[in-house]
Full PDB file with SEQRES, HELIX, SHEET, SSBOND, CRYST1, ORIGX, SCALE, CONECT and MASTER records, all heavy atoms in Angstrom:
SEQRES   1 A   41  ARG ARG GLU THR ALA LEU ARG LEU ILE ASN PRO THR GLU          
SEQRES   2 A   41  TYR ALA ILE ALA GLU GLN MET TYR GLU GLY ASP SER TYR          
SEQRES   3 A   41  LEU ILE ALA GLN ALA LEU ASP VAL THR VAL GLN VAL VAL          
SEQRES   4 A   41  GLU ASP                                                      
HELIX    1 AA1 ARG A    2  LEU A    8  1                                   7    
HELIX    2 AA2 PRO A   11  MET A   20  1                                  10    
HELIX    3 AA3 SER A   25  LEU A   32  1                                   8    
HELIX    4 AA4 VAL A   36  GLU A   40  1                                   5    
CRYST1    1.000    1.000    1.000  90.00  90.00  90.00 P 1           1          
ORIGX1      1.000000  0.000000  0.000000        0.00000                         
ORIGX2      0.000000  1.000000  0.000000        0.00000                         
ORIGX3      0.000000  0.000000  1.000000        0.00000                         
SCALE1      1.000000  0.000000  0.000000        0.00000                         
SCALE2      0.000000  1.000000  0.000000        0.00000                         
SCALE3      0.000000  0.000000  1.000000        0.00000                         
ATOM      1  N   ARG A   1      20.773  20.974 -38.008  1.00  0.00           N  
ATOM      2  CA  ARG A   1      20.617  20.413 -39.349  1.00  0.00           C  
ATOM      3  C   ARG A   1      19.158  20.024 -39.779  1.00  0.00           C  
ATOM      4  O   ARG A   1      18.769  20.316 -40.917  1.00  0.00           O  
ATOM      5  CB  ARG A   1      21.610  19.200 -39.556  1.00  0.00           C  
ATOM      6  CG  ARG A   1      23.057  19.593 -39.524  1.00  0.00           C  
ATOM      7  CD  ARG A   1      23.918  18.388 -39.444  1.00  0.00           C  
ATOM      8  NE  ARG A   1      23.799  17.460 -40.490  1.00  0.00           N  
ATOM      9  CZ  ARG A   1      24.607  16.501 -40.770  1.00  0.00           C  
ATOM     10  NH1 ARG A   1      25.578  16.341 -40.010  1.00  0.00           N  
ATOM     11  NH2 ARG A   1      24.326  15.570 -41.800  1.00  0.00           N  
ATOM     12  N   ARG A   2      18.489  19.501 -38.824  1.00  0.00           N  
ATOM     13  CA  ARG A   2      17.137  19.166 -39.149  1.00  0.00           C  
ATOM     14  C   ARG A   2      16.376  20.439 -39.303  1.00  0.00           C  
ATOM     15  O   ARG A   2      15.474  20.574 -40.316  1.00  0.00           O  
ATOM     16  CB  ARG A   2      16.454  18.319 -37.818  1.00  0.00           C  
ATOM     17  CG  ARG A   2      15.114  18.036 -38.004  1.00  0.00           C  
ATOM     18  CD  ARG A   2      14.668  17.099 -36.735  1.00  0.00           C  
ATOM     19  NE  ARG A   2      14.765  17.934 -35.439  1.00  0.00           N  
ATOM     20  CZ  ARG A   2      15.572  17.677 -34.458  1.00  0.00           C  
ATOM     21  NH1 ARG A   2      16.365  16.638 -34.581  1.00  0.00           N  
ATOM     22  NH2 ARG A   2      15.574  18.435 -33.400  1.00  0.00           N  
ATOM     23  N   GLU A   3      16.382  21.550 -38.487  1.00  0.00           N  
ATOM     24  CA  GLU A   3      15.640  22.680 -38.671  1.00  0.00           C  
ATOM     25  C   GLU A   3      16.048  23.468 -39.987  1.00  0.00           C  
ATOM     26  O   GLU A   3      15.152  24.010 -40.655  1.00  0.00           O  
ATOM     27  CB  GLU A   3      15.965  23.679 -37.450  1.00  0.00           C  
ATOM     28  CG  GLU A   3      15.269  23.194 -36.153  1.00  0.00           C  
ATOM     29  CD  GLU A   3      15.451  24.201 -34.992  1.00  0.00           C  
ATOM     30  OE1 GLU A   3      16.088  25.235 -35.220  1.00  0.00           O  
ATOM     31  OE2 GLU A   3      15.293  23.692 -33.903  1.00  0.00           O  
ATOM     32  N   THR A   4      17.240  23.316 -40.437  1.00  0.00           N  
ATOM     33  CA  THR A   4      17.760  23.967 -41.614  1.00  0.00           C  
ATOM     34  C   THR A   4      17.073  23.283 -42.892  1.00  0.00           C  
ATOM     35  O   THR A   4      16.461  23.926 -43.633  1.00  0.00           O  
ATOM     36  CB  THR A   4      19.270  23.930 -41.764  1.00  0.00           C  
ATOM     37  OG1 THR A   4      19.912  24.490 -40.654  1.00  0.00           O  
ATOM     38  CG2 THR A   4      19.766  24.458 -43.147  1.00  0.00           C  
ATOM     39  N   ALA A   5      16.998  21.841 -42.801  1.00  0.00           N  
ATOM     40  CA  ALA A   5      16.388  21.164 -43.971  1.00  0.00           C  
ATOM     41  C   ALA A   5      14.911  21.484 -44.028  1.00  0.00           C  
ATOM     42  O   ALA A   5      14.385  21.810 -45.144  1.00  0.00           O  
ATOM     43  CB  ALA A   5      16.567  19.659 -43.757  1.00  0.00           C  
ATOM     44  N   LEU A   6      14.227  21.594 -42.796  1.00  0.00           N  
ATOM     45  CA  LEU A   6      12.865  21.831 -42.934  1.00  0.00           C  
ATOM     46  C   LEU A   6      12.518  23.369 -43.307  1.00  0.00           C  
ATOM     47  O   LEU A   6      11.553  23.437 -43.957  1.00  0.00           O  
ATOM     48  CB  LEU A   6      12.213  21.558 -41.416  1.00  0.00           C  
ATOM     49  CG  LEU A   6      12.098  20.073 -41.064  1.00  0.00           C  
ATOM     50  CD1 LEU A   6      11.666  19.980 -39.620  1.00  0.00           C  
ATOM     51  CD2 LEU A   6      11.120  19.425 -42.031  1.00  0.00           C  
ATOM     52  N   ARG A   7      13.460  24.149 -42.894  1.00  0.00           N  
ATOM     53  CA  ARG A   7      13.235  25.597 -43.266  1.00  0.00           C  
ATOM     54  C   ARG A   7      13.503  25.873 -44.809  1.00  0.00           C  
ATOM     55  O   ARG A   7      12.793  26.658 -45.297  1.00  0.00           O  
ATOM     56  CB  ARG A   7      14.109  26.271 -42.426  1.00  0.00           C  
ATOM     57  CG  ARG A   7      13.948  27.799 -42.573  1.00  0.00           C  
ATOM     58  CD  ARG A   7      14.729  28.630 -41.583  1.00  0.00           C  
ATOM     59  NE  ARG A   7      14.122  29.846 -41.411  1.00  0.00           N  
ATOM     60  CZ  ARG A   7      14.695  30.777 -40.548  1.00  0.00           C  
ATOM     61  NH1 ARG A   7      15.773  30.631 -39.907  1.00  0.00           N  
ATOM     62  NH2 ARG A   7      14.117  31.852 -40.579  1.00  0.00           N  
ATOM     63  N   LEU A   8      14.476  25.215 -45.337  1.00  0.00           N  
ATOM     64  CA  LEU A   8      14.879  25.617 -46.690  1.00  0.00           C  
ATOM     65  C   LEU A   8      14.324  24.744 -47.750  1.00  0.00           C  
ATOM     66  O   LEU A   8      14.402  25.105 -48.946  1.00  0.00           O  
ATOM     67  CB  LEU A   8      16.370  25.603 -46.780  1.00  0.00           C  
ATOM     68  CG  LEU A   8      17.195  26.485 -45.935  1.00  0.00           C  
ATOM     69  CD1 LEU A   8      18.675  26.460 -46.177  1.00  0.00           C  
ATOM     70  CD2 LEU A   8      16.678  27.945 -46.137  1.00  0.00           C  
ATOM     71  N   ILE A   9      13.692  23.559 -47.490  1.00  0.00           N  
ATOM     72  CA  ILE A   9      13.120  22.700 -48.458  1.00  0.00           C  
ATOM     73  C   ILE A   9      11.669  22.811 -48.395  1.00  0.00           C  
ATOM     74  O   ILE A   9      11.027  22.330 -47.349  1.00  0.00           O  
ATOM     75  CB  ILE A   9      13.690  21.320 -48.373  1.00  0.00           C  
ATOM     76  CG1 ILE A   9      15.245  21.245 -48.710  1.00  0.00           C  
ATOM     77  CG2 ILE A   9      12.962  20.404 -49.271  1.00  0.00           C  
ATOM     78  CD1 ILE A   9      15.853  19.959 -48.723  1.00  0.00           C  
ATOM     79  N   ASN A  10      11.010  23.127 -49.432  1.00  0.00           N  
ATOM     80  CA  ASN A  10       9.546  23.078 -49.691  1.00  0.00           C  
ATOM     81  C   ASN A  10       9.269  21.550 -49.975  1.00  0.00           C  
ATOM     82  O   ASN A  10       9.752  21.057 -51.013  1.00  0.00           O  
ATOM     83  CB  ASN A  10       9.142  23.974 -50.696  1.00  0.00           C  
ATOM     84  CG  ASN A  10       7.743  23.909 -51.048  1.00  0.00           C  
ATOM     85  OD1 ASN A  10       7.256  22.900 -51.641  1.00  0.00           O  
ATOM     86  ND2 ASN A  10       7.043  24.984 -50.901  1.00  0.00           N  
ATOM     87  N   PRO A  11       8.297  20.938 -49.240  1.00  0.00           N  
ATOM     88  CA  PRO A  11       7.955  19.553 -49.456  1.00  0.00           C  
ATOM     89  C   PRO A  11       7.519  19.292 -50.912  1.00  0.00           C  
ATOM     90  O   PRO A  11       7.812  18.158 -51.506  1.00  0.00           O  
ATOM     91  CB  PRO A  11       6.912  19.222 -48.417  1.00  0.00           C  
ATOM     92  CG  PRO A  11       7.085  20.272 -47.391  1.00  0.00           C  
ATOM     93  CD  PRO A  11       7.593  21.571 -48.076  1.00  0.00           C  
ATOM     94  N   THR A  12       6.750  20.115 -51.520  1.00  0.00           N  
ATOM     95  CA  THR A  12       6.127  19.912 -52.835  1.00  0.00           C  
ATOM     96  C   THR A  12       7.199  20.042 -53.812  1.00  0.00           C  
ATOM     97  O   THR A  12       7.370  19.114 -54.725  1.00  0.00           O  
ATOM     98  CB  THR A  12       5.043  20.907 -53.112  1.00  0.00           C  
ATOM     99  OG1 THR A  12       4.095  20.747 -52.213  1.00  0.00           O  
ATOM    100  CG2 THR A  12       4.440  20.688 -54.471  1.00  0.00           C  
ATOM    101  N   GLU A  13       8.116  20.993 -53.667  1.00  0.00           N  
ATOM    102  CA  GLU A  13       9.201  21.186 -54.646  1.00  0.00           C  
ATOM    103  C   GLU A  13      10.214  19.980 -54.533  1.00  0.00           C  
ATOM    104  O   GLU A  13      10.828  19.478 -55.486  1.00  0.00           O  
ATOM    105  CB  GLU A  13      10.025  22.531 -54.356  1.00  0.00           C  
ATOM    106  CG  GLU A  13       9.149  23.654 -54.760  1.00  0.00           C  
ATOM    107  CD  GLU A  13       9.891  24.972 -54.280  1.00  0.00           C  
ATOM    108  OE1 GLU A  13      10.958  25.020 -53.846  1.00  0.00           O  
ATOM    109  OE2 GLU A  13       9.262  25.925 -54.599  1.00  0.00           O  
ATOM    110  N   TYR A  14      10.413  19.543 -53.280  1.00  0.00           N  
ATOM    111  CA  TYR A  14      11.372  18.364 -53.029  1.00  0.00           C  
ATOM    112  C   TYR A  14      10.787  17.120 -53.741  1.00  0.00           C  
ATOM    113  O   TYR A  14      11.460  16.486 -54.414  1.00  0.00           O  
ATOM    114  CB  TYR A  14      11.601  18.091 -51.534  1.00  0.00           C  
ATOM    115  CG  TYR A  14      12.339  16.855 -51.419  1.00  0.00           C  
ATOM    116  CD1 TYR A  14      13.735  17.006 -51.409  1.00  0.00           C  
ATOM    117  CD2 TYR A  14      11.684  15.566 -51.275  1.00  0.00           C  
ATOM    118  CE1 TYR A  14      14.474  15.671 -51.220  1.00  0.00           C  
ATOM    119  CE2 TYR A  14      12.501  14.614 -51.025  1.00  0.00           C  
ATOM    120  CZ  TYR A  14      13.913  14.540 -51.059  1.00  0.00           C  
ATOM    121  OH  TYR A  14      14.610  13.397 -50.955  1.00  0.00           O  
ATOM    122  N   ALA A  15       9.380  16.805 -53.585  1.00  0.00           N  
ATOM    123  CA  ALA A  15       8.779  15.592 -54.172  1.00  0.00           C  
ATOM    124  C   ALA A  15       8.904  15.711 -55.735  1.00  0.00           C  
ATOM    125  O   ALA A  15       9.236  14.610 -56.339  1.00  0.00           O  
ATOM    126  CB  ALA A  15       7.340  15.546 -53.653  1.00  0.00           C  
ATOM    127  N   ILE A  16       8.681  16.706 -56.167  1.00  0.00           N  
ATOM    128  CA  ILE A  16       8.899  16.974 -57.637  1.00  0.00           C  
ATOM    129  C   ILE A  16      10.308  16.616 -58.197  1.00  0.00           C  
ATOM    130  O   ILE A  16      10.515  15.810 -59.112  1.00  0.00           O  
ATOM    131  CB  ILE A  16       8.368  18.354 -58.130  1.00  0.00           C  
ATOM    132  CG1 ILE A  16       6.848  18.402 -57.918  1.00  0.00           C  
ATOM    133  CG2 ILE A  16       8.747  18.472 -59.637  1.00  0.00           C  
ATOM    134  CD1 ILE A  16       6.384  19.905 -58.131  1.00  0.00           C  
ATOM    135  N   ALA A  17      11.263  17.367 -57.394  1.00  0.00           N  
ATOM    136  CA  ALA A  17      12.564  17.038 -57.872  1.00  0.00           C  
ATOM    137  C   ALA A  17      13.154  15.716 -57.490  1.00  0.00           C  
ATOM    138  O   ALA A  17      13.934  15.088 -58.275  1.00  0.00           O  
ATOM    139  CB  ALA A  17      13.485  18.052 -57.018  1.00  0.00           C  
ATOM    140  N   GLU A  18      12.733  14.996 -56.457  1.00  0.00           N  
ATOM    141  CA  GLU A  18      13.048  13.712 -56.280  1.00  0.00           C  
ATOM    142  C   GLU A  18      12.576  12.716 -57.239  1.00  0.00           C  
ATOM    143  O   GLU A  18      13.397  11.803 -57.816  1.00  0.00           O  
ATOM    144  CB  GLU A  18      12.528  13.259 -54.848  1.00  0.00           C  
ATOM    145  CG  GLU A  18      12.996  11.804 -54.482  1.00  0.00           C  
ATOM    146  CD  GLU A  18      12.466  11.367 -53.121  1.00  0.00           C  
ATOM    147  OE1 GLU A  18      11.275  11.410 -52.929  1.00  0.00           O  
ATOM    148  OE2 GLU A  18      13.403  11.002 -52.296  1.00  0.00           O  
ATOM    149  N   GLN A  19      11.440  12.957 -57.754  1.00  0.00           N  
ATOM    150  CA  GLN A  19      10.868  12.169 -58.787  1.00  0.00           C  
ATOM    151  C   GLN A  19      11.648  12.400 -60.133  1.00  0.00           C  
ATOM    152  O   GLN A  19      12.003  11.439 -60.987  1.00  0.00           O  
ATOM    153  CB  GLN A  19       9.370  12.377 -59.080  1.00  0.00           C  
ATOM    154  CG  GLN A  19       8.659  11.465 -59.961  1.00  0.00           C  
ATOM    155  CD  GLN A  19       7.116  11.495 -60.013  1.00  0.00           C  
ATOM    156  OE1 GLN A  19       6.678  12.458 -59.463  1.00  0.00           O  
ATOM    157  NE2 GLN A  19       6.628  10.489 -60.416  1.00  0.00           N  
ATOM    158  N   MET A  20      11.791  13.673 -60.372  1.00  0.00           N  
ATOM    159  CA  MET A  20      12.462  14.029 -61.629  1.00  0.00           C  
ATOM    160  C   MET A  20      13.814  13.516 -61.742  1.00  0.00           C  
ATOM    161  O   MET A  20      14.314  13.182 -62.851  1.00  0.00           O  
ATOM    162  CB  MET A  20      12.438  15.722 -61.721  1.00  0.00           C  
ATOM    163  CG  MET A  20      12.902  16.200 -63.174  1.00  0.00           C  
ATOM    164  SD  MET A  20      12.895  18.072 -63.128  1.00  0.00           S  
ATOM    165  CE  MET A  20      11.146  18.276 -62.870  1.00  0.00           C  
ATOM    166  N   TYR A  21      14.565  13.558 -60.594  1.00  0.00           N  
ATOM    167  CA  TYR A  21      15.957  13.193 -60.700  1.00  0.00           C  
ATOM    168  C   TYR A  21      16.198  11.869 -60.133  1.00  0.00           C  
ATOM    169  O   TYR A  21      17.431  11.539 -59.651  1.00  0.00           O  
ATOM    170  CB  TYR A  21      16.854  14.365 -59.986  1.00  0.00           C  
ATOM    171  CG  TYR A  21      16.578  15.536 -60.690  1.00  0.00           C  
ATOM    172  CD1 TYR A  21      16.141  16.726 -60.078  1.00  0.00           C  
ATOM    173  CD2 TYR A  21      17.215  15.856 -61.999  1.00  0.00           C  
ATOM    174  CE1 TYR A  21      15.950  17.879 -60.739  1.00  0.00           C  
ATOM    175  CE2 TYR A  21      17.103  17.017 -62.688  1.00  0.00           C  
ATOM    176  CZ  TYR A  21      16.338  18.100 -62.075  1.00  0.00           C  
ATOM    177  OH  TYR A  21      16.259  19.274 -62.693  1.00  0.00           O  
ATOM    178  N   GLU A  22      15.179  11.074 -59.760  1.00  0.00           N  
ATOM    179  CA  GLU A  22      15.189   9.686 -59.389  1.00  0.00           C  
ATOM    180  C   GLU A  22      16.126   9.711 -58.029  1.00  0.00           C  
ATOM    181  O   GLU A  22      16.883   8.682 -57.897  1.00  0.00           O  
ATOM    182  CB  GLU A  22      15.912   8.735 -60.431  1.00  0.00           C  
ATOM    183  CG  GLU A  22      14.977   8.724 -61.733  1.00  0.00           C  
ATOM    184  CD  GLU A  22      15.487   7.955 -62.763  1.00  0.00           C  
ATOM    185  OE1 GLU A  22      16.718   7.491 -62.764  1.00  0.00           O  
ATOM    186  OE2 GLU A  22      14.801   7.757 -63.821  1.00  0.00           O  
ATOM    187  N   GLY A  23      15.841  10.572 -57.169  1.00  0.00           N  
ATOM    188  CA  GLY A  23      16.428  10.476 -55.803  1.00  0.00           C  
ATOM    189  C   GLY A  23      17.879  10.933 -55.795  1.00  0.00           C  
ATOM    190  O   GLY A  23      18.526  10.911 -54.711  1.00  0.00           O  
ATOM    191  N   ASP A  24      18.508  11.430 -56.826  1.00  0.00           N  
ATOM    192  CA  ASP A  24      19.860  11.825 -56.958  1.00  0.00           C  
ATOM    193  C   ASP A  24      20.070  13.140 -56.107  1.00  0.00           C  
ATOM    194  O   ASP A  24      19.682  14.205 -56.513  1.00  0.00           O  
ATOM    195  CB  ASP A  24      20.346  12.226 -58.391  1.00  0.00           C  
ATOM    196  CG  ASP A  24      21.871  12.383 -58.661  1.00  0.00           C  
ATOM    197  OD1 ASP A  24      22.386  13.457 -58.002  1.00  0.00           O  
ATOM    198  OD2 ASP A  24      22.599  11.664 -59.064  1.00  0.00           O  
ATOM    199  N   SER A  25      20.700  13.008 -54.926  1.00  0.00           N  
ATOM    200  CA  SER A  25      20.867  14.073 -54.038  1.00  0.00           C  
ATOM    201  C   SER A  25      21.559  15.346 -54.685  1.00  0.00           C  
ATOM    202  O   SER A  25      21.161  16.410 -54.298  1.00  0.00           O  
ATOM    203  CB  SER A  25      21.594  13.694 -52.700  1.00  0.00           C  
ATOM    204  OG  SER A  25      20.826  12.695 -52.006  1.00  0.00           O  
ATOM    205  N   TYR A  26      22.558  15.166 -55.456  1.00  0.00           N  
ATOM    206  CA  TYR A  26      23.287  16.208 -56.071  1.00  0.00           C  
ATOM    207  C   TYR A  26      22.375  17.160 -57.120  1.00  0.00           C  
ATOM    208  O   TYR A  26      22.193  18.255 -56.913  1.00  0.00           O  
ATOM    209  CB  TYR A  26      24.464  15.732 -56.840  1.00  0.00           C  
ATOM    210  CG  TYR A  26      25.190  16.929 -57.532  1.00  0.00           C  
ATOM    211  CD1 TYR A  26      26.064  17.738 -56.844  1.00  0.00           C  
ATOM    212  CD2 TYR A  26      25.168  17.004 -58.803  1.00  0.00           C  
ATOM    213  CE1 TYR A  26      26.736  18.705 -57.516  1.00  0.00           C  
ATOM    214  CE2 TYR A  26      25.822  18.089 -59.475  1.00  0.00           C  
ATOM    215  CZ  TYR A  26      26.589  18.926 -58.849  1.00  0.00           C  
ATOM    216  OH  TYR A  26      27.304  19.994 -59.447  1.00  0.00           O  
ATOM    217  N   LEU A  27      21.584  16.327 -57.786  1.00  0.00           N  
ATOM    218  CA  LEU A  27      20.678  16.985 -58.795  1.00  0.00           C  
ATOM    219  C   LEU A  27      19.538  17.607 -58.119  1.00  0.00           C  
ATOM    220  O   LEU A  27      19.030  18.881 -58.446  1.00  0.00           O  
ATOM    221  CB  LEU A  27      20.203  15.959 -59.869  1.00  0.00           C  
ATOM    222  CG  LEU A  27      21.207  15.526 -60.832  1.00  0.00           C  
ATOM    223  CD1 LEU A  27      20.743  14.365 -61.751  1.00  0.00           C  
ATOM    224  CD2 LEU A  27      21.967  16.665 -61.641  1.00  0.00           C  
ATOM    225  N   ILE A  28      18.950  16.981 -57.038  1.00  0.00           N  
ATOM    226  CA  ILE A  28      17.982  17.501 -56.228  1.00  0.00           C  
ATOM    227  C   ILE A  28      18.455  18.902 -55.489  1.00  0.00           C  
ATOM    228  O   ILE A  28      17.801  19.976 -55.544  1.00  0.00           O  
ATOM    229  CB  ILE A  28      17.383  16.626 -55.156  1.00  0.00           C  
ATOM    230  CG1 ILE A  28      16.751  15.415 -55.910  1.00  0.00           C  
ATOM    231  CG2 ILE A  28      16.538  17.278 -54.237  1.00  0.00           C  
ATOM    232  CD1 ILE A  28      16.430  14.258 -54.845  1.00  0.00           C  
ATOM    233  N   ALA A  29      19.600  18.847 -55.022  1.00  0.00           N  
ATOM    234  CA  ALA A  29      20.199  19.984 -54.338  1.00  0.00           C  
ATOM    235  C   ALA A  29      20.301  21.226 -55.336  1.00  0.00           C  
ATOM    236  O   ALA A  29      19.963  22.331 -55.067  1.00  0.00           O  
ATOM    237  CB  ALA A  29      21.590  19.797 -53.788  1.00  0.00           C  
ATOM    238  N   GLN A  30      20.779  20.809 -56.527  1.00  0.00           N  
ATOM    239  CA  GLN A  30      20.840  21.949 -57.543  1.00  0.00           C  
ATOM    240  C   GLN A  30      19.477  22.572 -57.926  1.00  0.00           C  
ATOM    241  O   GLN A  30      19.356  23.777 -57.991  1.00  0.00           O  
ATOM    242  CB  GLN A  30      21.601  21.425 -58.887  1.00  0.00           C  
ATOM    243  CG  GLN A  30      23.099  21.188 -58.748  1.00  0.00           C  
ATOM    244  CD  GLN A  30      23.670  20.835 -60.115  1.00  0.00           C  
ATOM    245  OE1 GLN A  30      23.167  20.029 -60.831  1.00  0.00           O  
ATOM    246  NE2 GLN A  30      24.769  21.515 -60.479  1.00  0.00           N  
ATOM    247  N   ALA A  31      18.516  21.689 -58.024  1.00  0.00           N  
ATOM    248  CA  ALA A  31      17.148  22.093 -58.341  1.00  0.00           C  
ATOM    249  C   ALA A  31      16.651  23.020 -57.369  1.00  0.00           C  
ATOM    250  O   ALA A  31      15.911  23.924 -57.514  1.00  0.00           O  
ATOM    251  CB  ALA A  31      16.330  20.867 -58.696  1.00  0.00           C  
ATOM    252  N   LEU A  32      16.933  22.745 -56.050  1.00  0.00           N  
ATOM    253  CA  LEU A  32      16.416  23.462 -54.920  1.00  0.00           C  
ATOM    254  C   LEU A  32      17.241  24.564 -54.286  1.00  0.00           C  
ATOM    255  O   LEU A  32      16.879  25.194 -53.428  1.00  0.00           O  
ATOM    256  CB  LEU A  32      16.028  22.282 -53.683  1.00  0.00           C  
ATOM    257  CG  LEU A  32      14.991  21.191 -54.138  1.00  0.00           C  
ATOM    258  CD1 LEU A  32      14.851  20.351 -53.036  1.00  0.00           C  
ATOM    259  CD2 LEU A  32      13.706  21.871 -54.640  1.00  0.00           C  
ATOM    260  N   ASP A  33      18.350  24.693 -55.025  1.00  0.00           N  
ATOM    261  CA  ASP A  33      19.346  25.652 -54.589  1.00  0.00           C  
ATOM    262  C   ASP A  33      19.758  25.612 -53.142  1.00  0.00           C  
ATOM    263  O   ASP A  33      19.769  26.538 -52.371  1.00  0.00           O  
ATOM    264  CB  ASP A  33      18.747  27.127 -54.933  1.00  0.00           C  
ATOM    265  CG  ASP A  33      19.852  28.218 -54.964  1.00  0.00           C  
ATOM    266  OD1 ASP A  33      20.906  27.889 -55.503  1.00  0.00           O  
ATOM    267  OD2 ASP A  33      19.563  29.372 -54.668  1.00  0.00           O  
ATOM    268  N   VAL A  34      20.063  24.258 -52.731  1.00  0.00           N  
ATOM    269  CA  VAL A  34      20.626  24.128 -51.402  1.00  0.00           C  
ATOM    270  C   VAL A  34      21.793  23.160 -51.578  1.00  0.00           C  
ATOM    271  O   VAL A  34      22.092  22.633 -52.652  1.00  0.00           O  
ATOM    272  CB  VAL A  34      19.574  23.398 -50.504  1.00  0.00           C  
ATOM    273  CG1 VAL A  34      18.351  24.241 -50.211  1.00  0.00           C  
ATOM    274  CG2 VAL A  34      19.022  22.058 -51.004  1.00  0.00           C  
ATOM    275  N   THR A  35      22.564  22.888 -50.443  1.00  0.00           N  
ATOM    276  CA  THR A  35      23.633  21.995 -50.362  1.00  0.00           C  
ATOM    277  C   THR A  35      23.167  20.512 -50.478  1.00  0.00           C  
ATOM    278  O   THR A  35      22.100  20.252 -50.059  1.00  0.00           O  
ATOM    279  CB  THR A  35      24.623  22.354 -49.274  1.00  0.00           C  
ATOM    280  OG1 THR A  35      23.795  21.835 -48.065  1.00  0.00           O  
ATOM    281  CG2 THR A  35      25.038  23.602 -49.188  1.00  0.00           C  
ATOM    282  N   VAL A  36      23.993  19.701 -50.874  1.00  0.00           N  
ATOM    283  CA  VAL A  36      23.719  18.310 -50.825  1.00  0.00           C  
ATOM    284  C   VAL A  36      23.484  17.758 -49.353  1.00  0.00           C  
ATOM    285  O   VAL A  36      22.579  16.978 -49.044  1.00  0.00           O  
ATOM    286  CB  VAL A  36      24.897  17.435 -51.476  1.00  0.00           C  
ATOM    287  CG1 VAL A  36      24.753  15.910 -51.270  1.00  0.00           C  
ATOM    288  CG2 VAL A  36      24.911  17.718 -53.001  1.00  0.00           C  
ATOM    289  N   GLN A  37      24.162  18.390 -48.438  1.00  0.00           N  
ATOM    290  CA  GLN A  37      23.962  18.018 -47.060  1.00  0.00           C  
ATOM    291  C   GLN A  37      22.567  18.361 -46.532  1.00  0.00           C  
ATOM    292  O   GLN A  37      21.990  17.533 -45.884  1.00  0.00           O  
ATOM    293  CB  GLN A  37      24.950  18.827 -46.189  1.00  0.00           C  
ATOM    294  CG  GLN A  37      24.904  18.575 -44.643  1.00  0.00           C  
ATOM    295  CD  GLN A  37      25.233  17.279 -44.303  1.00  0.00           C  
ATOM    296  OE1 GLN A  37      26.414  16.772 -44.575  1.00  0.00           O  
ATOM    297  NE2 GLN A  37      24.412  16.265 -43.893  1.00  0.00           N  
ATOM    298  N   VAL A  38      21.942  19.426 -47.084  1.00  0.00           N  
ATOM    299  CA  VAL A  38      20.609  19.725 -46.593  1.00  0.00           C  
ATOM    300  C   VAL A  38      19.692  18.863 -47.279  1.00  0.00           C  
ATOM    301  O   VAL A  38      18.816  18.402 -46.556  1.00  0.00           O  
ATOM    302  CB  VAL A  38      20.279  21.259 -47.011  1.00  0.00           C  
ATOM    303  CG1 VAL A  38      18.775  21.600 -46.837  1.00  0.00           C  
ATOM    304  CG2 VAL A  38      21.136  22.260 -46.229  1.00  0.00           C  
ATOM    305  N   VAL A  39      19.990  18.343 -48.393  1.00  0.00           N  
ATOM    306  CA  VAL A  39      19.143  17.304 -49.095  1.00  0.00           C  
ATOM    307  C   VAL A  39      19.235  16.089 -48.244  1.00  0.00           C  
ATOM    308  O   VAL A  39      18.240  15.407 -48.026  1.00  0.00           O  
ATOM    309  CB  VAL A  39      19.393  17.176 -50.601  1.00  0.00           C  
ATOM    310  CG1 VAL A  39      18.735  15.948 -51.123  1.00  0.00           C  
ATOM    311  CG2 VAL A  39      19.109  18.423 -51.369  1.00  0.00           C  
ATOM    312  N   GLU A  40      20.344  15.549 -47.971  1.00  0.00           N  
ATOM    313  CA  GLU A  40      20.529  14.421 -47.305  1.00  0.00           C  
ATOM    314  C   GLU A  40      19.953  14.461 -45.875  1.00  0.00           C  
ATOM    315  O   GLU A  40      19.306  13.598 -45.526  1.00  0.00           O  
ATOM    316  CB  GLU A  40      22.077  14.097 -47.089  1.00  0.00           C  
ATOM    317  CG  GLU A  40      22.727  13.641 -48.395  1.00  0.00           C  
ATOM    318  CD  GLU A  40      22.210  12.366 -49.000  1.00  0.00           C  
ATOM    319  OE1 GLU A  40      21.886  11.496 -48.248  1.00  0.00           O  
ATOM    320  OE2 GLU A  40      22.078  12.347 -50.151  1.00  0.00           O  
ATOM    321  N   ASP A  41      20.124  15.572 -45.183  1.00  0.00           N  
ATOM    322  CA  ASP A  41      19.309  15.713 -43.952  1.00  0.00           C  
ATOM    323  C   ASP A  41      17.907  15.641 -44.011  1.00  0.00           C  
ATOM    324  O   ASP A  41      17.120  15.186 -43.324  1.00  0.00           O  
ATOM    325  CB  ASP A  41      19.706  17.118 -43.282  1.00  0.00           C  
ATOM    326  CG  ASP A  41      21.172  17.198 -42.681  1.00  0.00           C  
ATOM    327  OD1 ASP A  41      21.783  15.994 -42.585  1.00  0.00           O  
ATOM    328  OD2 ASP A  41      21.639  18.289 -42.792  1.00  0.00           O  
TER     329      ASP A  41                                                      
MASTER        0    0    0    4    0    0    0    6  328    1    0    4          
END                                                                             
């Protein structure tokens, strides 16, 4: 799970999405095209 999250999430894109969606995992997952589980991990 850790390796999947690191592999599929770009740190810069995550930071932008986290700020844009105020930490909402569902909206961040949609923006990054990953599952909510990957965002939570």
